[in-house]
Amino acid sequence: MHSCSAYNGDKPYIFVSYSHKDTDIVMQMISQMSSDGYRVWYDEGIKPGADWDEYIANKINNSGMFMAFVSKNYLDSDNCKDELNYSRDRIDNILLVYLSEVSLPSGMEMRFGRSQAIPAYNYSSKEEFFRKLYSSHGIDAFKESISPEEIPIPVKYTIPAPSAPSSASAAKKPAEAKS
């Protein structure tokens, strides 16, 4: 059971492609993104009995961003490579998040070498990684805006009343111009 549900709505979303062998780490990342207000769809959202290929193709076609969590497991998966290749001509915003230090095969490197990429394994903290991820080009389009009910109420404090001017400061006050 995953700690967050795949996005199910009409707003633009991020399609996440990953190897099921990397589920533990990827679900942590998806959960954090969802908690931070990003609309993320991943294959947990496939309805039972659906034609997998058609469903995935439809979700890629209707997404606004394609995010692939690349690892050796990812590159060994025909389904993952199919999703990435299918997204190439359909999605303008592709982000490769490298879970480990791997190289794309030559053909994929030719196609995706200029895509945005983040080497997640290079970041010493989760906070540093997510700061970089959330600065990726175009990702803000998939974040829920804050409703007025969610805006924090400022802490109430009392503004001190102005003190009465002393006679010395009154004497320094410029005289009003007479007309």
C-alpha atoms as a PDB file:
ATOM      1  CA  MET A   1       0.000   0.000   0.000  1.00  0.00           C
ATOM      2  CA  HIS A   2       1.340   3.421  -0.940  1.00  0.00           C
ATOM      3  CA  SER A   3       1.175   6.443   1.313  1.00  0.00           C
ATOM      4  CA  CYS A   4      -0.369   8.669  -1.369  1.00  0.00           C
ATOM      5  CA  SER A   5      -2.874   8.237  -4.147  1.00  0.00           C
ATOM      6  CA  ALA A   6      -2.236   8.922  -7.794  1.00  0.00           C
ATOM      7  CA  TYR A   7      -3.750  12.232  -8.939  1.00  0.00           C
ATOM      8  CA  ASN A   8      -7.239  11.830 -10.340  1.00  0.00           C
ATOM      9  CA  GLY A   9      -8.680  15.063 -11.697  1.00  0.00           C
ATOM     10  CA  ASP A  10      -8.953  17.457 -14.609  1.00  0.00           C
ATOM     11  CA  LYS A  11      -5.951  19.704 -13.916  1.00  0.00           C
ATOM     12  CA  PRO A  12      -2.539  19.225 -15.554  1.00  0.00           C
ATOM     13  CA  TYR A  13      -0.387  16.641 -13.771  1.00  0.00           C
ATOM     14  CA  ILE A  14       3.061  15.080 -13.725  1.00  0.00           C
ATOM     15  CA  PHE A  15       3.248  11.550 -15.150  1.00  0.00           C
ATOM     16  CA  VAL A  16       5.792   9.497 -13.187  1.00  0.00           C
ATOM     17  CA  SER A  17       7.613   6.632 -14.868  1.00  0.00           C
ATOM     18  CA  TYR A  18       9.685   4.287 -12.701  1.00  0.00           C
ATOM     19  CA  SER A  19      10.772   0.675 -12.307  1.00  0.00           C
ATOM     20  CA  HIS A  20       8.760  -1.259  -9.756  1.00  0.00           C
ATOM     21  CA  LYS A  21      12.090  -2.527  -8.411  1.00  0.00           C
ATOM     22  CA  ASP A  22      12.676   1.085  -7.246  1.00  0.00           C
ATOM     23  CA  THR A  23       9.234   1.431  -5.633  1.00  0.00           C
ATOM     24  CA  ASP A  24      10.498   2.088  -2.091  1.00  0.00           C
ATOM     25  CA  ILE A  25      12.555   5.182  -2.962  1.00  0.00           C
ATOM     26  CA  VAL A  26      10.223   6.464  -5.690  1.00  0.00           C
ATOM     27  CA  MET A  27       7.139   6.265  -3.459  1.00  0.00           C
ATOM     28  CA  GLN A  28       8.944   8.343  -0.831  1.00  0.00           C
ATOM     29  CA  MET A  29       9.600  10.992  -3.478  1.00  0.00           C
ATOM     30  CA  ILE A  30       6.053  10.874  -4.872  1.00  0.00           C
ATOM     31  CA  SER A  31       4.621  11.109  -1.343  1.00  0.00           C
ATOM     32  CA  GLN A  32       6.741  14.184  -0.618  1.00  0.00           C
ATOM     33  CA  MET A  33       5.717  15.823  -3.882  1.00  0.00           C
ATOM     34  CA  SER A  34       2.043  15.104  -3.191  1.00  0.00           C
ATOM     35  CA  SER A  35       2.378  16.453   0.359  1.00  0.00           C
ATOM     36  CA  ASP A  36       3.946  19.593  -1.086  1.00  0.00           C
ATOM     37  CA  GLY A  37       0.908  20.112  -3.315  1.00  0.00           C
ATOM     38  CA  TYR A  38       2.060  18.680  -6.657  1.00  0.00           C
ATOM     39  CA  ARG A  39      -0.375  16.738  -8.827  1.00  0.00           C
ATOM     40  CA  VAL A  40       1.379  13.445  -9.571  1.00  0.00           C
ATOM     41  CA  TRP A  41       0.030  10.440 -11.457  1.00  0.00           C
ATOM     42  CA  TYR A  42       1.719   7.055 -11.333  1.00  0.00           C
ATOM     43  CA  ASP A  43       0.582   3.564 -12.204  1.00  0.00           C
ATOM     44  CA  GLU A  44      -1.221   2.997  -8.900  1.00  0.00           C
ATOM     45  CA  GLY A  45      -3.978   4.941 -10.634  1.00  0.00           C
ATOM     46  CA  ILE A  46      -4.672   2.253 -13.251  1.00  0.00           C
ATOM     47  CA  LYS A  47      -8.195   0.977 -12.889  1.00  0.00           C
ATOM     48  CA  PRO A  48      -8.581  -2.807 -12.492  1.00  0.00           C
ATOM     49  CA  GLY A  49      -9.272  -4.560 -15.783  1.00  0.00           C
ATOM     50  CA  ALA A  50      -7.975  -1.644 -17.898  1.00  0.00           C
ATOM     51  CA  ASP A  51      -5.827  -2.312 -20.961  1.00  0.00           C
ATOM     52  CA  TRP A  52      -2.420  -1.360 -19.499  1.00  0.00           C
ATOM     53  CA  ASP A  53      -0.815  -0.062 -22.733  1.00  0.00           C
ATOM     54  CA  GLU A  54      -3.838   2.049 -23.701  1.00  0.00           C
ATOM     55  CA  TYR A  55      -4.266   3.415 -20.192  1.00  0.00           C
ATOM     56  CA  ILE A  56      -0.588   4.404 -19.866  1.00  0.00           C
ATOM     57  CA  ALA A  57      -0.539   5.978 -23.349  1.00  0.00           C
ATOM     58  CA  ASN A  58      -3.666   7.989 -22.506  1.00  0.00           C
ATOM     59  CA  LYS A  59      -2.177   9.191 -19.206  1.00  0.00           C
ATOM     60  CA  ILE A  60       1.061  10.236 -20.920  1.00  0.00           C
ATOM     61  CA  ASN A  61      -0.895  12.045 -23.662  1.00  0.00           C
ATOM     62  CA  ASN A  62      -2.929  13.969 -21.092  1.00  0.00           C
ATOM     63  CA  SER A  63      -0.068  14.863 -18.770  1.00  0.00           C
ATOM     64  CA  GLY A  64       1.799  18.133 -18.839  1.00  0.00           C
ATOM     65  CA  MET A  65       5.139  16.838 -17.585  1.00  0.00           C
ATOM     66  CA  PHE A  66       6.870  13.471 -17.840  1.00  0.00           C
ATOM     67  CA  MET A  67       9.192  12.591 -14.954  1.00  0.00           C
ATOM     68  CA  ALA A  68      11.300   9.434 -15.226  1.00  0.00           C
ATOM     69  CA  PHE A  69      13.150   8.021 -12.210  1.00  0.00           C
ATOM     70  CA  VAL A  70      16.136   6.549 -14.025  1.00  0.00           C
ATOM     71  CA  SER A  71      18.221   3.715 -12.597  1.00  0.00           C
ATOM     72  CA  LYS A  72      19.753   0.478 -13.835  1.00  0.00           C
ATOM     73  CA  ASN A  73      16.380  -1.147 -13.073  1.00  0.00           C
ATOM     74  CA  TYR A  74      14.643   1.494 -15.203  1.00  0.00           C
ATOM     75  CA  LEU A  75      16.979   0.948 -18.137  1.00  0.00           C
ATOM     76  CA  ASP A  76      16.512  -2.831 -17.861  1.00  0.00           C
ATOM     77  CA  SER A  77      12.718  -2.478 -18.100  1.00  0.00           C
ATOM     78  CA  ASP A  78      11.153  -2.569 -21.556  1.00  0.00           C
ATOM     79  CA  ASN A  79       7.970  -0.967 -20.196  1.00  0.00           C
ATOM     80  CA  CYS A  80       9.896   1.965 -18.703  1.00  0.00           C
ATOM     81  CA  LYS A  81      11.848   2.537 -21.906  1.00  0.00           C
ATOM     82  CA  ASP A  82       8.602   2.323 -23.904  1.00  0.00           C
ATOM     83  CA  GLU A  83       7.027   5.023 -21.708  1.00  0.00           C
ATOM     84  CA  LEU A  84      10.049   7.309 -22.049  1.00  0.00           C
ATOM     85  CA  ASN A  85      10.269   6.851 -25.811  1.00  0.00           C
ATOM     86  CA  TYR A  86       6.517   7.354 -26.220  1.00  0.00           C
ATOM     87  CA  SER A  87       6.679  10.605 -24.251  1.00  0.00           C
ATOM     88  CA  ARG A  88       9.429  12.038 -26.422  1.00  0.00           C
ATOM     89  CA  ASP A  89       7.235  13.430 -29.224  1.00  0.00           C
ATOM     90  CA  ARG A  90       4.196  14.075 -27.051  1.00  0.00           C
ATOM     91  CA  ILE A  91       5.407  15.928 -23.977  1.00  0.00           C
ATOM     92  CA  ASP A  92       7.444  19.135 -24.115  1.00  0.00           C
ATOM     93  CA  ASN A  93       8.504  19.012 -20.484  1.00  0.00           C
ATOM     94  CA  ILE A  94      10.542  15.880 -19.698  1.00  0.00           C
ATOM     95  CA  LEU A  95      12.585  15.570 -16.522  1.00  0.00           C
ATOM     96  CA  LEU A  96      14.972  12.698 -15.851  1.00  0.00           C
ATOM     97  CA  VAL A  97      15.668  12.113 -12.156  1.00  0.00           C
ATOM     98  CA  TYR A  98      18.666   9.815 -11.865  1.00  0.00           C
ATOM     99  CA  LEU A  99      18.418   7.577  -8.793  1.00  0.00           C
ATOM    100  CA  SER A 100      21.891   6.185  -9.418  1.00  0.00           C
ATOM    101  CA  GLU A 101      24.848   6.943 -11.634  1.00  0.00           C
ATOM    102  CA  VAL A 102      23.933   5.276 -14.914  1.00  0.00           C
ATOM    103  CA  SER A 103      24.386   6.185 -18.551  1.00  0.00           C
ATOM    104  CA  LEU A 104      21.593   6.137 -21.072  1.00  0.00           C
ATOM    105  CA  PRO A 105      22.165   3.793 -24.037  1.00  0.00           C
ATOM    106  CA  SER A 106      23.451   5.688 -27.089  1.00  0.00           C
ATOM    107  CA  GLY A 107      20.087   5.924 -28.848  1.00  0.00           C
ATOM    108  CA  MET A 108      18.334   7.211 -25.737  1.00  0.00           C
ATOM    109  CA  GLU A 109      21.200   9.610 -25.031  1.00  0.00           C
ATOM    110  CA  MET A 110      20.763  10.991 -28.553  1.00  0.00           C
ATOM    111  CA  ARG A 111      17.029  11.535 -27.928  1.00  0.00           C
ATOM    112  CA  PHE A 112      17.081  12.671 -24.293  1.00  0.00           C
ATOM    113  CA  GLY A 113      20.577  14.087 -23.742  1.00  0.00           C
ATOM    114  CA  ARG A 114      19.230  17.642 -23.744  1.00  0.00           C
ATOM    115  CA  SER A 115      16.333  16.951 -21.388  1.00  0.00           C
ATOM    116  CA  GLN A 116      16.318  18.416 -17.904  1.00  0.00           C
ATOM    117  CA  ALA A 117      18.077  16.032 -15.550  1.00  0.00           C
ATOM    118  CA  ILE A 118      18.717  15.894 -11.828  1.00  0.00           C
ATOM    119  CA  PRO A 119      21.210  13.430 -10.349  1.00  0.00           C
ATOM    120  CA  ALA A 120      19.312  12.715  -7.106  1.00  0.00           C
ATOM    121  CA  TYR A 121      22.181  10.571  -5.826  1.00  0.00           C
ATOM    122  CA  ASN A 122      24.443  13.673  -5.712  1.00  0.00           C
ATOM    123  CA  TYR A 123      22.410  15.507  -3.059  1.00  0.00           C
ATOM    124  CA  SER A 124      23.440  15.109   0.548  1.00  0.00           C
ATOM    125  CA  SER A 125      19.975  15.810   1.942  1.00  0.00           C
ATOM    126  CA  LYS A 126      16.366  15.279   1.002  1.00  0.00           C
ATOM    127  CA  GLU A 127      15.732  19.008   1.449  1.00  0.00           C
ATOM    128  CA  GLU A 128      18.523  19.929  -0.971  1.00  0.00           C
ATOM    129  CA  PHE A 129      17.192  17.474  -3.574  1.00  0.00           C
ATOM    130  CA  PHE A 130      13.603  18.755  -3.340  1.00  0.00           C
ATOM    131  CA  ARG A 131      14.769  22.383  -3.507  1.00  0.00           C
ATOM    132  CA  LYS A 132      16.479  21.508  -6.813  1.00  0.00           C
ATOM    133  CA  LEU A 133      13.510  19.452  -8.053  1.00  0.00           C
ATOM    134  CA  TYR A 134      11.042  22.250  -7.301  1.00  0.00           C
ATOM    135  CA  SER A 135      13.200  24.725  -9.213  1.00  0.00           C
ATOM    136  CA  SER A 136      12.913  22.598 -12.387  1.00  0.00           C
ATOM    137  CA  HIS A 137      11.573  24.381 -15.446  1.00  0.00           C
ATOM    138  CA  GLY A 138       7.786  24.297 -15.592  1.00  0.00           C
ATOM    139  CA  ILE A 139       7.115  22.200 -12.485  1.00  0.00           C
ATOM    140  CA  ASP A 140       5.127  24.963 -10.766  1.00  0.00           C
ATOM    141  CA  ALA A 141       2.325  24.498 -13.296  1.00  0.00           C
ATOM    142  CA  PHE A 142       1.481  21.232 -11.527  1.00  0.00           C
ATOM    143  CA  LYS A 143       1.265  22.586  -8.004  1.00  0.00           C
ATOM    144  CA  GLU A 144      -2.062  23.285  -6.387  1.00  0.00           C
ATOM    145  CA  SER A 145      -2.570  26.906  -5.514  1.00  0.00           C
ATOM    146  CA  ILE A 146      -3.348  27.717  -1.917  1.00  0.00           C
ATOM    147  CA  SER A 147      -6.998  28.374  -1.238  1.00  0.00           C
ATOM    148  CA  PRO A 148      -7.914  31.341   0.982  1.00  0.00           C
ATOM    149  CA  GLU A 149      -8.832  28.877   3.746  1.00  0.00           C
ATOM    150  CA  GLU A 150      -5.267  27.504   3.733  1.00  0.00           C
ATOM    151  CA  ILE A 151      -3.533  30.870   4.070  1.00  0.00           C
ATOM    152  CA  PRO A 152      -2.066  31.000   7.563  1.00  0.00           C
ATOM    153  CA  ILE A 153      -3.604  33.592   9.853  1.00  0.00           C
ATOM    154  CA  PRO A 154      -0.904  35.953  11.084  1.00  0.00           C
ATOM    155  CA  VAL A 155      -0.117  35.960  14.762  1.00  0.00           C
ATOM    156  CA  LYS A 156      -1.958  38.829  16.436  1.00  0.00           C
ATOM    157  CA  TYR A 157       0.152  41.411  18.116  1.00  0.00           C
ATOM    158  CA  THR A 158      -0.529  44.841  19.516  1.00  0.00           C
ATOM    159  CA  ILE A 159       0.940  47.861  17.835  1.00  0.00           C
ATOM    160  CA  PRO A 160       2.083  50.275  20.512  1.00  0.00           C
ATOM    161  CA  ALA A 161       0.164  53.550  20.492  1.00  0.00           C
ATOM    162  CA  PRO A 162       2.243  56.499  19.368  1.00  0.00           C
ATOM    163  CA  SER A 163       3.491  58.518  22.262  1.00  0.00           C
ATOM    164  CA  ALA A 164       2.448  62.138  22.580  1.00  0.00           C
ATOM    165  CA  PRO A 165       4.975  64.440  20.984  1.00  0.00           C
ATOM    166  CA  SER A 166       7.206  66.174  23.466  1.00  0.00           C
ATOM    167  CA  SER A 167       7.424  69.939  23.420  1.00  0.00           C
ATOM    168  CA  ALA A 168      10.937  69.654  21.934  1.00  0.00           C
ATOM    169  CA  SER A 169       9.714  67.594  18.975  1.00  0.00           C
ATOM    170  CA  ALA A 170       6.717  69.907  18.523  1.00  0.00           C
ATOM    171  CA  ALA A 171       9.114  72.825  18.242  1.00  0.00           C
ATOM    172  CA  LYS A 172      10.991  71.008  15.429  1.00  0.00           C
ATOM    173  CA  LYS A 173       7.801  70.370  13.477  1.00  0.00           C
ATOM    174  CA  PRO A 174       7.804  72.471  10.312  1.00  0.00           C
ATOM    175  CA  ALA A 175       5.168  75.139  10.102  1.00  0.00           C
ATOM    176  CA  GLU A 176       2.430  74.657   7.587  1.00  0.00           C
ATOM    177  CA  ALA A 177       2.559  76.992   4.612  1.00  0.00           C
ATOM    178  CA  LYS A 178      -0.096  79.678   4.593  1.00  0.00           C
ATOM    179  CA  SER A 179      -1.768  80.577   1.407  1.00  0.00           C
END
